[in-house]
Amino acid sequence: MEESLTIPTTKPPMLQRPSTLFFSHTQLSKNDELLLEKRIVNNNYKLRYVFHGFEDCRQCLWNRKYHNVTSFDEINDKLTEKILHTFINLHDEEKIVLGNKMARMGLVEVLVNFYMAMQDGSGMGALSDTMVRGNKNDECLKCLLIIRRILWDYSHCSSNFALALSKTEFVTTLLDDVACCCNEGVQKLDEHIDCGDNMYIFCSAVCMIYNMCRHPYSEREAVRRDGIIYKLKSFLNSKHTHVQMMSLLALVYVIKEEQTSILNTNFDVFDFLIARINDTVIAKDKRESGYHIAELIDSLTCLIESNKTKQYLMNIRPLTMIKTWLTVPNVLENLSAIKLIWELAFLEQNRRILRNDTELVTILQELKLNHDPDIRIAAQKTQFVLQWKESCYKIMSLDNEPVEDHILLSYNWADRSQVNEIYRVLKSEGFPVWIDITEMNKYTDILDCVRRSIYHSKLVLVCYSEKYKRDQNCRTEAEYSYELRRPVIPIRLQAGYEPDGWLRTLLGPKFYLDFTNNAIFDKQMDKLRDCINRYENKTTQVNQTVAESPRITMSRSSSRAISSRISSRAISRLPSRGPSACSAYNKKVQDWSADDIEQWTLHFKFDGRAYRIVSRLTVQQILHIYNTWKKNPESFYKWAESVIHLGSIEDLVRLRNAIKSLTGYI
């Protein structure tokens, strides 16, 4: 039994890892889960006895008398026979059903609590492979390894199991185990693998961290402590590909967008991942070191969250390879490839390249008609992102029915309980609020529903968290709202989370309403009402002014006089530091990256909507604005107001000074 727990019979060791993949996460996932269970149980009635075995194990581990035993034979036999061996003899969908069942019945928490009680009672502390090899006959350790194998197996095959595991204290146990393995050193780990040893503790710890963090609803912040990022990074220096692979994939899901540079090591991580993906293409089971090709493509997608990495990947010219993944007869591979295109398309310069690839556009058109609903919807939304403007014009041309302007709630499905409470209060007070759970069933076309909900919105409440920021659907909603210039009220739902990456660019650096503390919910709702009412009053006043005021034309001398008054009013709010204080000025404007443009925007203290507009300018647009100012500085304010629509005197002055500061840097 010890051999099967700690040393697989084949190499490389990771080929013995669980082999199934997560299902897609949709708003109907709960119903999908129960329907899947019903179908699978009807096909295999023996699973009913397996469920009874799960309940038997749960009652056994829940019984306090087993927490102080000296003989673990009964517990070990029960766990091995009724859970561990059951997993081995089932196909993928059956494993998913069993994992989901264990999560629903609370068996995950019971297993973890028993594991930690036994570990504390025996005084073992953190585990390492060296310690395990020296105590093979320890019955308590054997029990821990059985439970660990169960948690590893089922966290990989069942997304619900992985999510339940991520909410337990077992996360701390895994971090301690990785730290213990790190203290022993990468060189020692390599030596043991060379001798044929299976690094079971290391492999299971890193892979369970990966399984938990890749779940879209997981709280990754719980893993980002105790220096785990740098400890995992140290294993990238291993000479064994499968060790590098599992460490890199765990890191991809643990790091934040701005931490991508941490992955700089003695090899290029993009080249490494693409090489591994190419290895899976020629493999019979589509796997490399136990990882399915879809997992590797998903990891590549996660790695390109930042504009810099999106641009880097496009420079590698991956489209030929991606189009191959899109056209093979494999649903998981197709879906992962579509999501990769979707992520690349969020960068404007990539959008132009992708739109101009007629073969890619044709493939996406065909995938929009695919029999698989996940592929069909993902392809539709990817093409939607590729063609923002056309999508807007399509609604304008087809929308003949009058629709009431509404307040749109944009949120991640994992945060629905908090958002539903906000919706309930606003709706009860007569606010015209749009939320998908009540409106989606009115449409046969989900994408058309999303388009219209944003197009007809007068205000968007972005209810954000890190899960919102990671969700491609949420980003599509938020970016499209920005394209249509819809005003946004940011609402924070995750304590301690500060917007980063694209979300920080879209929301700006300052204002938000904090709904992370239920004790002050009513107070925050008062603030939200005030924000909505102020916006509606402001909009009403502007509309009345536009309707009632005569059209005014200004002479050049009048424009010059007004420009002078504008400058004197806003000068006190301009940045006091010179260009040298901003890192963007260390190079020519033509060489600026998206990060440089953002630093330049922050340097001149743009805020709110002005920040979102200026920070997303391209280098070509900045140069065009500079040339316009250079040719005719006297009419610059009037031109900027009509073309860029900043909307306030102070922001116009900031723009003029920001553009003027570029003299000598072009």
Foldseek 3Di string as FASTA:
>chain_A
DLCVLWADPDPPLLQPFAFAAEDDDDPCVVVVLVVLLVVVCVVPVCVVVLLVLLVVLLVVLVDCVVLPDQACVVNLVSLCPNQVVVCVPDDLSSLQNVLLSCLVVVVLVSLVVSLVSLCVVVVPAADWQVVCVVPVPRRSVSSNSSSLSRLRNSLRRYVSNLQSNLPDPVLVNLLRNLVVHLVVPLVVVLVCVVVNGGRNSNLSSLSSLLSNLVRLLHDLVVNPDPCSLVSLLRQCPHPDLLSVVSSLSSNLSNDDLVCLCVNDDPDDVVVSLVVQQVVLVPDPQCDDSSDHSLSSLLSLLSSQQFPVSLVVVVVVVCPVVLVVQCPDPDPSSNLSSLSSLLSSLLAPVSLVVQVPPVVNLVSLVVQCPDPDPSSNVSSVLSVCSSCLPVLLVVCVVPVPDDDAAAEEEQEDPSLVVLVVVLVVVCVVVPGRYDDCVPPVVVDPDNVVVLSVNLSRYQEYEHADDVSLSSDSVSVSSLVSNVVNPRHYAYEYQDPPDADDHPRCLSFPHDDHQYPPDVVCNVVSSVVVVVVVVVSVVVVVVVVVCVVPPDDDDDDLVRLLVVLVVLCVVQVVVFAPDAPVVFPLLVAALVPDDLVSQLSLLVRGPDGGSLSNQRSSDDSVRLVVLLVVCVVPVSCSLVVCCVPSVPPDSNSSNSSSVSSVSNVVRD
